[in-house]
Amino acid sequence: MINKVILLGRLGKDPVIRRLENGRIVANITLATNDYYTKDGQRMESTEWHNLEMWDKQAETAEKYLKKGSLLYVEGKIRTDRYTDAEGQEKQMRKIRVNNFQMMGSMMGDRNNDRNDSSTGNTSSGDQSSSMGNDFNAGVGGMDDDDLPF
C-alpha cells in the first residue's frame, strides 16, 4: 500500500516552531496550493490549504529559511491525529508528515544574499537526498521536455 503526497505551493504564514522537553524540534507549516479551472468562460482559482509537520533537522531548516510566501516542493505522507477537545468531543486533524522538501525559486535571496541557489531540506528518517535538481522547470526526475513521450 502507498501513502505518498507530493505538493508544490506557498507558505501561508511563517513556520510555527516548538521545542519539546526531550530536545526534539517540530515545525508546523500551512501550505497553499492552487487549482485553476474554467467556469462559464471565466478563469477560476481554487485554493487548498495543507497542514505540514517537519521534525528535527527539517524543522531547524524551516525555522532558518522558510517564511510566509516561500515556494516549497514537499514529499510526505498523510497522517491523522485523533484527540479529545476541552468539551470532550472526539476530533481528528489531517496533516502531511514531510519526508523531504525542496525550497524553490529565489526566496533564499531574502534571507541569505550570498547564496543564489535553492537549498534542500531533504532529511528523511534515512537522511536520503532527493534526486530533484535545483531547477524545478527541468522536470521531475531530471527529465526535460525532449524526454517526454508525448
C-alpha atoms as a PDB file:
ATOM      1  CA  MET A   1       0.000   0.000   0.000  1.00  0.00           C
ATOM      2  CA  ILE A   2       1.175   3.514  -0.758  1.00  0.00           C
ATOM      3  CA  ASN A   3       0.662   6.701   1.218  1.00  0.00           C
ATOM      4  CA  LYS A   4       2.565   9.403  -0.659  1.00  0.00           C
ATOM      5  CA  VAL A   5       1.809  13.083  -1.161  1.00  0.00           C
ATOM      6  CA  ILE A   6       3.620  15.495  -3.480  1.00  0.00           C
ATOM      7  CA  LEU A   7       2.820  19.202  -3.197  1.00  0.00           C
ATOM      8  CA  LEU A   8       4.138  22.421  -4.669  1.00  0.00           C
ATOM      9  CA  GLY A   9       2.801  25.552  -3.033  1.00  0.00           C
ATOM     10  CA  ARG A  10       3.448  28.666  -0.974  1.00  0.00           C
ATOM     11  CA  LEU A  11       3.567  29.080   2.776  1.00  0.00           C
ATOM     12  CA  GLY A  12       0.539  30.894   4.182  1.00  0.00           C
ATOM     13  CA  LYS A  13       2.466  32.152   7.218  1.00  0.00           C
ATOM     14  CA  ASP A  14       5.851  31.760   8.881  1.00  0.00           C
ATOM     15  CA  PRO A  15       6.520  28.279  10.335  1.00  0.00           C
ATOM     16  CA  VAL A  16       5.457  27.737  13.938  1.00  0.00           C
ATOM     17  CA  ILE A  17       8.386  26.152  15.791  1.00  0.00           C
ATOM     18  CA  ARG A  18       8.074  24.201  19.046  1.00  0.00           C
ATOM     19  CA  ARG A  19      10.947  22.829  21.099  1.00  0.00           C
ATOM     20  CA  LEU A  20       9.928  19.794  23.121  1.00  0.00           C
ATOM     21  CA  GLU A  21      11.264  18.821  26.550  1.00  0.00           C
ATOM     22  CA  ASN A  22      13.079  15.813  25.061  1.00  0.00           C
ATOM     23  CA  GLY A  23      15.139  18.158  22.830  1.00  0.00           C
ATOM     24  CA  ARG A  24      13.267  17.490  19.585  1.00  0.00           C
ATOM     25  CA  ILE A  25      12.037  20.326  17.381  1.00  0.00           C
ATOM     26  CA  VAL A  26       8.817  20.345  15.360  1.00  0.00           C
ATOM     27  CA  ALA A  27       7.733  22.866  12.725  1.00  0.00           C
ATOM     28  CA  ASN A  28       4.086  23.275  11.765  1.00  0.00           C
ATOM     29  CA  ILE A  29       3.529  24.915   8.397  1.00  0.00           C
ATOM     30  CA  THR A  30       0.486  25.843   6.337  1.00  0.00           C
ATOM     31  CA  LEU A  31       0.940  25.408   2.584  1.00  0.00           C
ATOM     32  CA  ALA A  32      -1.438  26.710  -0.083  1.00  0.00           C
ATOM     33  CA  THR A  33      -1.836  25.005  -3.447  1.00  0.00           C
ATOM     34  CA  ASN A  34      -3.919  26.476  -6.248  1.00  0.00           C
ATOM     35  CA  ASP A  35      -6.068  24.783  -8.853  1.00  0.00           C
ATOM     36  CA  TYR A  36      -7.307  26.636 -11.921  1.00  0.00           C
ATOM     37  CA  TYR A  37     -10.399  25.822 -13.976  1.00  0.00           C
ATOM     38  CA  THR A  38     -12.864  27.499 -16.328  1.00  0.00           C
ATOM     39  CA  LYS A  39     -16.483  28.092 -15.356  1.00  0.00           C
ATOM     40  CA  ASP A  40     -18.909  29.891 -17.665  1.00  0.00           C
ATOM     41  CA  GLY A  41     -15.967  31.155 -19.740  1.00  0.00           C
ATOM     42  CA  GLN A  42     -14.266  32.688 -16.706  1.00  0.00           C
ATOM     43  CA  ARG A  43     -10.945  31.506 -15.331  1.00  0.00           C
ATOM     44  CA  MET A  44     -11.453  30.473 -11.709  1.00  0.00           C
ATOM     45  CA  GLU A  45      -8.988  29.689  -8.946  1.00  0.00           C
ATOM     46  CA  SER A  46      -9.449  27.340  -6.004  1.00  0.00           C
ATOM     47  CA  THR A  47      -7.006  27.300  -3.082  1.00  0.00           C
ATOM     48  CA  GLU A  48      -6.462  24.223  -0.937  1.00  0.00           C
ATOM     49  CA  TRP A  49      -4.677  24.544   2.433  1.00  0.00           C
ATOM     50  CA  HIS A  50      -2.431  21.781   3.758  1.00  0.00           C
ATOM     51  CA  ASN A  51      -1.040  21.376   7.278  1.00  0.00           C
ATOM     52  CA  LEU A  52       2.588  20.218   7.188  1.00  0.00           C
ATOM     53  CA  GLU A  53       4.689  18.809  10.011  1.00  0.00           C
ATOM     54  CA  MET A  54       8.500  18.710   9.957  1.00  0.00           C
ATOM     55  CA  TRP A  55      10.758  17.285  12.655  1.00  0.00           C
ATOM     56  CA  ASP A  56      14.315  17.781  13.895  1.00  0.00           C
ATOM     57  CA  LYS A  57      16.772  18.831  11.119  1.00  0.00           C
ATOM     58  CA  GLN A  58      13.916  19.670   8.761  1.00  0.00           C
ATOM     59  CA  ALA A  59      12.340  21.862  11.452  1.00  0.00           C
ATOM     60  CA  GLU A  60      15.660  23.637  12.012  1.00  0.00           C
ATOM     61  CA  THR A  61      15.957  24.300   8.266  1.00  0.00           C
ATOM     62  CA  ALA A  62      12.358  25.548   8.148  1.00  0.00           C
ATOM     63  CA  GLU A  63      12.978  27.893  11.077  1.00  0.00           C
ATOM     64  CA  LYS A  64      16.102  29.298   9.465  1.00  0.00           C
ATOM     65  CA  TYR A  65      14.984  29.717   5.841  1.00  0.00           C
ATOM     66  CA  LEU A  66      11.209  29.467   5.342  1.00  0.00           C
ATOM     67  CA  LYS A  67       8.822  32.373   5.657  1.00  0.00           C
ATOM     68  CA  LYS A  68       5.363  33.391   4.525  1.00  0.00           C
ATOM     69  CA  GLY A  69       5.158  33.276   0.720  1.00  0.00           C
ATOM     70  CA  SER A  70       8.088  30.859   0.269  1.00  0.00           C
ATOM     71  CA  LEU A  71       7.652  28.414  -2.620  1.00  0.00           C
ATOM     72  CA  LEU A  72       8.077  24.847  -1.380  1.00  0.00           C
ATOM     73  CA  TYR A  73       8.128  21.395  -3.010  1.00  0.00           C
ATOM     74  CA  VAL A  74       7.142  18.715  -0.486  1.00  0.00           C
ATOM     75  CA  GLU A  75       7.051  14.920  -0.398  1.00  0.00           C
ATOM     76  CA  GLY A  76       5.418  13.211   2.531  1.00  0.00           C
ATOM     77  CA  LYS A  77       2.551  11.095   3.775  1.00  0.00           C
ATOM     78  CA  ILE A  78      -0.912  11.768   5.147  1.00  0.00           C
ATOM     79  CA  ARG A  79      -1.270  11.329   8.896  1.00  0.00           C
ATOM     80  CA  THR A  80      -4.410  11.629  11.016  1.00  0.00           C
ATOM     81  CA  ASP A  81      -4.169  12.735  14.652  1.00  0.00           C
ATOM     82  CA  ARG A  82      -7.098  11.918  16.908  1.00  0.00           C
ATOM     83  CA  TYR A  83      -7.706  13.796  20.140  1.00  0.00           C
ATOM     84  CA  THR A  84     -10.426  14.864  22.560  1.00  0.00           C
ATOM     85  CA  ASP A  85     -11.072  18.606  22.838  1.00  0.00           C
ATOM     86  CA  ALA A  86     -11.879  20.572  26.009  1.00  0.00           C
ATOM     87  CA  GLU A  87     -15.622  19.810  25.624  1.00  0.00           C
ATOM     88  CA  GLY A  88     -14.953  16.058  25.421  1.00  0.00           C
ATOM     89  CA  GLN A  89     -15.612  15.850  21.678  1.00  0.00           C
ATOM     90  CA  GLU A  90     -13.555  13.419  19.600  1.00  0.00           C
ATOM     91  CA  LYS A  91     -11.688  15.321  16.865  1.00  0.00           C
ATOM     92  CA  GLN A  92      -9.318  14.425  14.101  1.00  0.00           C
ATOM     93  CA  MET A  93      -6.847  16.513  12.181  1.00  0.00           C
ATOM     94  CA  ARG A  94      -5.155  15.521   8.937  1.00  0.00           C
ATOM     95  CA  LYS A  95      -1.654  16.676   8.182  1.00  0.00           C
ATOM     96  CA  ILE A  96       1.234  15.891   5.896  1.00  0.00           C
ATOM     97  CA  ARG A  97       4.280  14.429   7.654  1.00  0.00           C
ATOM     98  CA  VAL A  98       7.131  15.701   5.486  1.00  0.00           C
ATOM     99  CA  ASN A  99       9.735  13.144   4.388  1.00  0.00           C
ATOM    100  CA  ASN A 100      11.745  15.613   2.321  1.00  0.00           C
ATOM    101  CA  PHE A 101      11.320  19.007   0.780  1.00  0.00           C
ATOM    102  CA  GLN A 102      12.993  21.469  -1.550  1.00  0.00           C
ATOM    103  CA  MET A 103      12.934  25.239  -1.303  1.00  0.00           C
ATOM    104  CA  MET A 104      12.170  26.583  -4.758  1.00  0.00           C
ATOM    105  CA  GLY A 105      12.738  29.870  -6.535  1.00  0.00           C
ATOM    106  CA  SER A 106      14.691  32.871  -5.373  1.00  0.00           C
ATOM    107  CA  MET A 107      13.317  33.178  -1.849  1.00  0.00           C
ATOM    108  CA  MET A 108      16.763  32.414  -0.430  1.00  0.00           C
ATOM    109  CA  GLY A 109      17.925  35.833  -1.583  1.00  0.00           C
ATOM    110  CA  ASP A 110      15.720  37.449   1.052  1.00  0.00           C
ATOM    111  CA  ARG A 111      17.387  35.703   3.978  1.00  0.00           C
ATOM    112  CA  ASN A 112      20.849  34.870   2.660  1.00  0.00           C
ATOM    113  CA  ASN A 113      22.099  37.155  -0.109  1.00  0.00           C
ATOM    114  CA  ASP A 114      25.358  35.304  -0.669  1.00  0.00           C
ATOM    115  CA  ARG A 115      23.545  32.190  -1.963  1.00  0.00           C
ATOM    116  CA  ASN A 116      21.969  32.150  -5.405  1.00  0.00           C
ATOM    117  CA  ASP A 117      20.722  28.560  -5.475  1.00  0.00           C
ATOM    118  CA  SER A 118      17.800  26.762  -3.872  1.00  0.00           C
ATOM    119  CA  SER A 119      18.523  24.798  -0.725  1.00  0.00           C
ATOM    120  CA  THR A 120      17.147  21.452   0.221  1.00  0.00           C
ATOM    121  CA  GLY A 121      15.629  20.155   3.400  1.00  0.00           C
ATOM    122  CA  ASN A 122      15.938  16.565   2.318  1.00  0.00           C
ATOM    123  CA  THR A 123      16.268  14.913   5.675  1.00  0.00           C
ATOM    124  CA  SER A 124      14.112  11.847   5.968  1.00  0.00           C
ATOM    125  CA  SER A 125      14.389   9.110   8.543  1.00  0.00           C
ATOM    126  CA  GLY A 126      17.200   7.641   6.439  1.00  0.00           C
ATOM    127  CA  ASP A 127      18.778  11.045   5.651  1.00  0.00           C
ATOM    128  CA  GLN A 128      18.285  10.343   1.953  1.00  0.00           C
ATOM    129  CA  SER A 129      18.668  13.167  -0.529  1.00  0.00           C
ATOM    130  CA  SER A 130      16.185  13.866  -3.267  1.00  0.00           C
ATOM    131  CA  SER A 131      17.425  13.445  -6.821  1.00  0.00           C
ATOM    132  CA  MET A 132      15.452  16.505  -7.870  1.00  0.00           C
ATOM    133  CA  GLY A 133      17.663  19.266  -9.235  1.00  0.00           C
ATOM    134  CA  ASN A 134      17.586  22.921  -8.249  1.00  0.00           C
ATOM    135  CA  ASP A 135      15.622  23.930 -11.352  1.00  0.00           C
ATOM    136  CA  PHE A 136      12.051  22.686 -11.000  1.00  0.00           C
ATOM    137  CA  ASN A 137      11.382  23.632 -14.631  1.00  0.00           C
ATOM    138  CA  ALA A 138      13.818  20.937 -15.755  1.00  0.00           C
ATOM    139  CA  GLY A 139      11.080  18.442 -14.992  1.00  0.00           C
ATOM    140  CA  VAL A 140      10.597  15.699 -12.459  1.00  0.00           C
ATOM    141  CA  GLY A 141      13.443  13.263 -12.050  1.00  0.00           C
ATOM    142  CA  GLY A 142      15.736  15.283 -14.319  1.00  0.00           C
ATOM    143  CA  MET A 143      13.626  14.755 -17.442  1.00  0.00           C
ATOM    144  CA  ASP A 144      13.283  17.642 -19.832  1.00  0.00           C
ATOM    145  CA  ASP A 145      10.581  18.213 -22.454  1.00  0.00           C
ATOM    146  CA  ASP A 146      12.517  16.236 -25.093  1.00  0.00           C
ATOM    147  CA  ASP A 147      12.347  13.086 -22.923  1.00  0.00           C
ATOM    148  CA  LEU A 148       8.559  13.133 -22.599  1.00  0.00           C
ATOM    149  CA  PRO A 149       6.698  10.507 -24.664  1.00  0.00           C
ATOM    150  CA  PHE A 150       4.085  12.974 -25.931  1.00  0.00           C
END
